[in-house]
Amino acid sequence: MRTPVPIRTALRRKLLLTYIALAIAAVCVFAFRELIDQQMESLAIGFGALVAVAALLFVNLGLRCPRCNGNLAMTAQGAAFSLRKKHRVSFCQYCGVSLDESA
């Protein structure tokens, strides 16, 4: 049986995966552009753009509150990666559940 993780931790994991996908897209577009010929360059740029669009769509559509299914895309970065604890988001803006509770 899996141990329940806090909502904040689940959001952090999803955002990290999204940032990794965006980094891969950037590598495809910029690093491989110099290594391949002109015809393959457009393929690499297209692949990078596709990965970037998919990652951004996931952030906007995939970050949901597990309790009310509200969209947490705008508050997820503040909830997951805030450097200051004082101004960190601590609840769902739709249902009010604490992000430190288990999902």
N, C-alpha and C. Protein backbone atom coordinates (compact mmCIF):
# COMPACT_ATOMS: atom_id res chain seq x y z
N MET A 1 0.84 -1.18 0.00
CA MET A 1 0.00 0.00 0.00
C MET A 1 0.88 1.25 0.00
N ARG A 2 0.55 2.19 -0.84
CA ARG A 2 1.34 3.42 -0.93
C ARG A 2 0.98 4.35 0.21
N THR A 3 2.00 5.00 0.74
CA THR A 3 1.75 5.99 1.78
C THR A 3 1.26 7.28 1.12
N PRO A 4 0.28 7.92 1.70
CA PRO A 4 -0.22 9.17 1.10
C PRO A 4 0.81 10.28 1.19
N VAL A 5 0.93 11.04 0.12
CA VAL A 5 1.86 12.16 0.09
C VAL A 5 1.07 13.45 0.18
N PRO A 6 1.67 14.48 0.76
CA PRO A 6 0.98 15.78 0.80
C PRO A 6 0.72 16.33 -0.60
N ILE A 7 -0.32 17.10 -0.73
CA ILE A 7 -0.68 17.70 -2.02
C ILE A 7 0.46 18.55 -2.55
N ARG A 8 1.14 19.27 -1.66
CA ARG A 8 2.26 20.13 -2.06
C ARG A 8 3.38 19.30 -2.71
N THR A 9 3.66 18.14 -2.15
CA THR A 9 4.70 17.28 -2.70
C THR A 9 4.29 16.75 -4.07
N ALA A 10 3.03 16.38 -4.24
CA ALA A 10 2.55 15.91 -5.54
C ALA A 10 2.64 17.02 -6.59
N LEU A 11 2.28 18.24 -6.21
CA LEU A 11 2.39 19.37 -7.13
C LEU A 11 3.85 19.62 -7.50
N ARG A 12 4.74 19.53 -6.52
CA ARG A 12 6.16 19.76 -6.77
C ARG A 12 6.70 18.74 -7.77
N ARG A 13 6.30 17.48 -7.62
CA ARG A 13 6.76 16.44 -8.54
C ARG A 13 6.26 16.69 -9.96
N LYS A 14 5.00 17.06 -10.08
CA LYS A 14 4.45 17.32 -11.41
C LYS A 14 5.13 18.51 -12.07
N LEU A 15 5.41 19.55 -11.30
CA LEU A 15 6.09 20.72 -11.86
C LEU A 15 7.53 20.39 -12.25
N LEU A 16 8.21 19.58 -11.45
CA LEU A 16 9.58 19.19 -11.79
C LEU A 16 9.60 18.40 -13.10
N LEU A 17 8.66 17.49 -13.29
CA LEU A 17 8.58 16.76 -14.54
C LEU A 17 8.32 17.69 -15.72
N THR A 18 7.50 18.70 -15.50
CA THR A 18 7.22 19.67 -16.55
C THR A 18 8.47 20.47 -16.89
N TYR A 19 9.22 20.90 -15.88
CA TYR A 19 10.44 21.66 -16.13
C TYR A 19 11.49 20.80 -16.82
N ILE A 20 11.55 19.52 -16.49
CA ILE A 20 12.48 18.62 -17.17
C ILE A 20 12.10 18.49 -18.64
N ALA A 21 10.80 18.37 -18.92
CA ALA A 21 10.35 18.28 -20.31
C ALA A 21 10.68 19.55 -21.08
N LEU A 22 10.52 20.70 -20.45
CA LEU A 22 10.87 21.96 -21.10
C LEU A 22 12.37 22.06 -21.35
N ALA A 23 13.18 21.55 -20.43
CA ALA A 23 14.63 21.56 -20.62
C ALA A 23 15.02 20.65 -21.79
N ILE A 24 14.36 19.50 -21.89
CA ILE A 24 14.62 18.60 -23.03
C ILE A 24 14.24 19.28 -24.34
N ALA A 25 13.13 19.99 -24.34
CA ALA A 25 12.73 20.72 -25.55
C ALA A 25 13.77 21.77 -25.92
N ALA A 26 14.29 22.48 -24.93
CA ALA A 26 15.31 23.49 -25.22
C ALA A 26 16.58 22.86 -25.77
N VAL A 27 16.96 21.71 -25.22
CA VAL A 27 18.15 21.02 -25.73
C VAL A 27 17.93 20.58 -27.17
N CYS A 28 16.74 20.06 -27.46
CA CYS A 28 16.45 19.63 -28.83
C CYS A 28 16.54 20.79 -29.81
N VAL A 29 16.03 21.92 -29.41
CA VAL A 29 15.99 23.05 -30.33
C VAL A 29 17.37 23.68 -30.50
N PHE A 30 18.07 23.93 -29.42
CA PHE A 30 19.31 24.71 -29.51
C PHE A 30 20.57 23.88 -29.69
N ALA A 31 20.72 22.79 -28.98
CA ALA A 31 21.96 22.04 -29.06
C ALA A 31 22.05 21.21 -30.35
N PHE A 32 20.98 20.53 -30.68
CA PHE A 32 21.03 19.67 -31.86
C PHE A 32 20.92 20.44 -33.16
N ARG A 33 20.55 21.69 -33.09
CA ARG A 33 20.41 22.50 -34.29
C ARG A 33 21.74 22.64 -35.03
N GLU A 34 22.81 22.71 -34.29
CA GLU A 34 24.12 22.86 -34.90
C GLU A 34 24.68 21.54 -35.43
N LEU A 35 24.18 20.42 -34.94
CA LEU A 35 24.75 19.12 -35.30
C LEU A 35 24.11 18.47 -36.52
N ILE A 36 22.98 18.95 -36.94
CA ILE A 36 22.26 18.29 -38.02
C ILE A 36 22.10 19.22 -39.21
N ASP A 37 21.73 18.64 -40.33
CA ASP A 37 21.60 19.44 -41.55
C ASP A 37 20.31 20.26 -41.55
N GLN A 38 20.11 21.03 -42.59
CA GLN A 38 19.00 21.99 -42.66
C GLN A 38 17.63 21.30 -42.58
N GLN A 39 17.47 20.16 -43.26
CA GLN A 39 16.18 19.49 -43.28
C GLN A 39 15.85 18.92 -41.89
N MET A 40 16.82 18.38 -41.22
CA MET A 40 16.59 17.81 -39.89
C MET A 40 16.45 18.90 -38.82
N GLU A 41 16.96 20.09 -39.12
CA GLU A 41 16.84 21.20 -38.17
C GLU A 41 15.38 21.55 -37.92
N SER A 42 14.60 21.58 -38.97
CA SER A 42 13.17 21.89 -38.80
C SER A 42 12.47 20.79 -38.02
N LEU A 43 12.90 19.55 -38.18
CA LEU A 43 12.32 18.44 -37.41
C LEU A 43 12.65 18.59 -35.93
N ALA A 44 13.89 18.96 -35.62
CA ALA A 44 14.28 19.15 -34.22
C ALA A 44 13.53 20.32 -33.60
N ILE A 45 13.36 21.39 -34.33
CA ILE A 45 12.61 22.54 -33.82
C ILE A 45 11.14 22.17 -33.62
N GLY A 46 10.59 21.42 -34.56
CA GLY A 46 9.21 20.98 -34.42
C GLY A 46 9.01 20.06 -33.23
N PHE A 47 9.95 19.14 -33.00
CA PHE A 47 9.86 18.24 -31.85
C PHE A 47 9.97 19.03 -30.55
N GLY A 48 10.90 19.96 -30.50
CA GLY A 48 11.05 20.78 -29.30
C GLY A 48 9.82 21.61 -29.01
N ALA A 49 9.23 22.18 -30.06
CA ALA A 49 8.01 22.96 -29.88
C ALA A 49 6.86 22.08 -29.42
N LEU A 50 6.77 20.87 -29.95
CA LEU A 50 5.72 19.94 -29.54
C LEU A 50 5.85 19.56 -28.07
N VAL A 51 7.06 19.28 -27.64
CA VAL A 51 7.28 18.95 -26.22
C VAL A 51 6.96 20.15 -25.34
N ALA A 52 7.34 21.34 -25.76
CA ALA A 52 7.07 22.54 -24.96
C ALA A 52 5.57 22.80 -24.85
N VAL A 53 4.85 22.67 -25.94
CA VAL A 53 3.40 22.88 -25.91
C VAL A 53 2.73 21.83 -25.03
N ALA A 54 3.17 20.58 -25.14
CA ALA A 54 2.59 19.53 -24.30
C ALA A 54 2.85 19.79 -22.83
N ALA A 55 4.05 20.25 -22.49
CA ALA A 55 4.37 20.54 -21.09
C ALA A 55 3.53 21.71 -20.57
N LEU A 56 3.38 22.74 -21.37
CA LEU A 56 2.57 23.89 -20.94
C LEU A 56 1.09 23.53 -20.82
N LEU A 57 0.59 22.69 -21.71
CA LEU A 57 -0.79 22.23 -21.60
C LEU A 57 -0.98 21.39 -20.33
N PHE A 58 0.02 20.56 -20.02
CA PHE A 58 -0.07 19.76 -18.81
C PHE A 58 -0.12 20.65 -17.57
N VAL A 59 0.68 21.69 -17.55
CA VAL A 59 0.66 22.59 -16.39
C VAL A 59 -0.70 23.26 -16.26
N ASN A 60 -1.26 23.69 -17.37
CA ASN A 60 -2.54 24.40 -17.31
C ASN A 60 -3.74 23.50 -17.10
N LEU A 61 -3.66 22.26 -17.53
CA LEU A 61 -4.81 21.37 -17.43
C LEU A 61 -4.62 20.22 -16.43
N GLY A 62 -3.38 19.89 -16.11
CA GLY A 62 -3.12 18.71 -15.30
C GLY A 62 -2.90 18.94 -13.84
N LEU A 63 -2.73 20.17 -13.40
CA LEU A 63 -2.50 20.43 -11.99
C LEU A 63 -3.84 20.75 -11.33
N ARG A 64 -4.45 19.72 -10.79
CA ARG A 64 -5.78 19.83 -10.19
C ARG A 64 -5.72 19.50 -8.71
N CYS A 65 -6.62 20.09 -7.95
CA CYS A 65 -6.77 19.77 -6.54
C CYS A 65 -7.39 18.38 -6.46
N PRO A 66 -6.81 17.48 -5.66
CA PRO A 66 -7.37 16.13 -5.58
C PRO A 66 -8.71 16.08 -4.87
N ARG A 67 -9.05 17.10 -4.11
CA ARG A 67 -10.33 17.10 -3.39
C ARG A 67 -11.47 17.66 -4.22
N CYS A 68 -11.28 18.82 -4.83
CA CYS A 68 -12.39 19.49 -5.53
C CYS A 68 -12.20 19.53 -7.04
N ASN A 69 -11.05 19.06 -7.53
CA ASN A 69 -10.71 19.07 -8.95
C ASN A 69 -10.58 20.49 -9.50
N GLY A 70 -10.31 21.46 -8.64
CA GLY A 70 -10.09 22.83 -9.07
C GLY A 70 -8.72 22.98 -9.72
N ASN A 71 -8.58 23.91 -10.64
CA ASN A 71 -7.34 24.14 -11.37
C ASN A 71 -6.35 24.89 -10.49
N LEU A 72 -5.24 24.24 -10.17
CA LEU A 72 -4.21 24.85 -9.33
C LEU A 72 -3.01 25.33 -10.13
N ALA A 73 -3.17 25.52 -11.42
CA ALA A 73 -2.04 25.89 -12.27
C ALA A 73 -1.43 27.23 -11.87
N MET A 74 -2.24 28.20 -11.55
CA MET A 74 -1.71 29.52 -11.22
C MET A 74 -1.07 29.56 -9.83
N THR A 75 -1.52 28.75 -8.92
CA THR A 75 -0.98 28.77 -7.57
C THR A 75 0.05 27.68 -7.33
N ALA A 76 0.23 26.77 -8.27
CA ALA A 76 1.12 25.62 -8.03
C ALA A 76 2.57 26.03 -7.86
N GLN A 77 3.05 26.97 -8.64
CA GLN A 77 4.45 27.36 -8.51
C GLN A 77 4.71 28.04 -7.18
N GLY A 78 3.79 28.87 -6.74
CA GLY A 78 3.94 29.50 -5.44
C GLY A 78 3.82 28.50 -4.31
N ALA A 79 3.04 27.47 -4.51
CA ALA A 79 2.86 26.45 -3.47
C ALA A 79 4.05 25.51 -3.41
N ALA A 80 4.62 25.19 -4.54
CA ALA A 80 5.65 24.17 -4.58
C ALA A 80 7.06 24.72 -4.40
N PHE A 81 7.35 25.89 -4.94
CA PHE A 81 8.72 26.37 -4.99
C PHE A 81 8.93 27.73 -4.37
N SER A 82 8.15 28.10 -3.40
CA SER A 82 8.34 29.39 -2.76
C SER A 82 9.57 29.33 -1.85
N LEU A 83 10.40 30.34 -1.96
CA LEU A 83 11.61 30.37 -1.14
C LEU A 83 11.32 30.88 0.26
N ARG A 84 10.31 31.70 0.39
CA ARG A 84 9.97 32.24 1.70
C ARG A 84 8.73 31.52 2.22
N LYS A 85 8.81 31.02 3.41
CA LYS A 85 7.68 30.29 3.97
C LYS A 85 6.53 31.20 4.35
N LYS A 86 6.82 32.45 4.61
CA LYS A 86 5.79 33.38 5.07
C LYS A 86 4.73 33.62 3.99
N HIS A 87 5.14 33.73 2.74
CA HIS A 87 4.21 34.06 1.66
C HIS A 87 3.86 32.85 0.79
N ARG A 88 4.16 31.66 1.26
CA ARG A 88 3.88 30.46 0.49
C ARG A 88 2.38 30.15 0.52
N VAL A 89 1.84 29.74 -0.61
CA VAL A 89 0.43 29.38 -0.70
C VAL A 89 0.23 28.12 0.13
N SER A 90 -0.82 28.10 0.95
CA SER A 90 -0.98 26.95 1.84
C SER A 90 -2.33 26.26 1.71
N PHE A 91 -3.17 26.70 0.77
CA PHE A 91 -4.49 26.08 0.64
C PHE A 91 -4.99 26.19 -0.80
N CYS A 92 -5.93 25.33 -1.13
CA CYS A 92 -6.59 25.38 -2.44
C CYS A 92 -7.49 26.61 -2.47
N GLN A 93 -7.42 27.36 -3.53
CA GLN A 93 -8.22 28.59 -3.61
C GLN A 93 -9.70 28.31 -3.84
N TYR A 94 -10.05 27.07 -4.19
CA TYR A 94 -11.43 26.75 -4.49
C TYR A 94 -12.16 26.08 -3.31
N CYS A 95 -11.50 25.10 -2.67
CA CYS A 95 -12.18 24.38 -1.59
C CYS A 95 -11.59 24.65 -0.22
N GLY A 96 -10.40 25.25 -0.16
CA GLY A 96 -9.79 25.63 1.10
C GLY A 96 -9.01 24.52 1.79
N VAL A 97 -8.82 23.37 1.15
CA VAL A 97 -8.06 22.28 1.75
C VAL A 97 -6.58 22.69 1.85
N SER A 98 -5.95 22.31 2.94
CA SER A 98 -4.54 22.63 3.12
C SER A 98 -3.70 21.81 2.16
N LEU A 99 -2.69 22.44 1.57
CA LEU A 99 -1.81 21.72 0.64
C LEU A 99 -0.82 20.83 1.37
N ASP A 100 -0.79 20.90 2.69
CA ASP A 100 0.07 20.01 3.46
C ASP A 100 -0.67 18.75 3.91
N GLU A 101 -1.97 18.65 3.61
CA GLU A 101 -2.71 17.42 3.89
C GLU A 101 -2.38 16.38 2.83
N SER A 102 -2.64 15.13 3.13
CA SER A 102 -2.35 14.07 2.16
C SER A 102 -3.41 14.07 1.07
N ALA A 103 -2.96 13.66 -0.11
CA ALA A 103 -3.84 13.68 -1.28
C ALA A 103 -4.85 12.55 -1.23
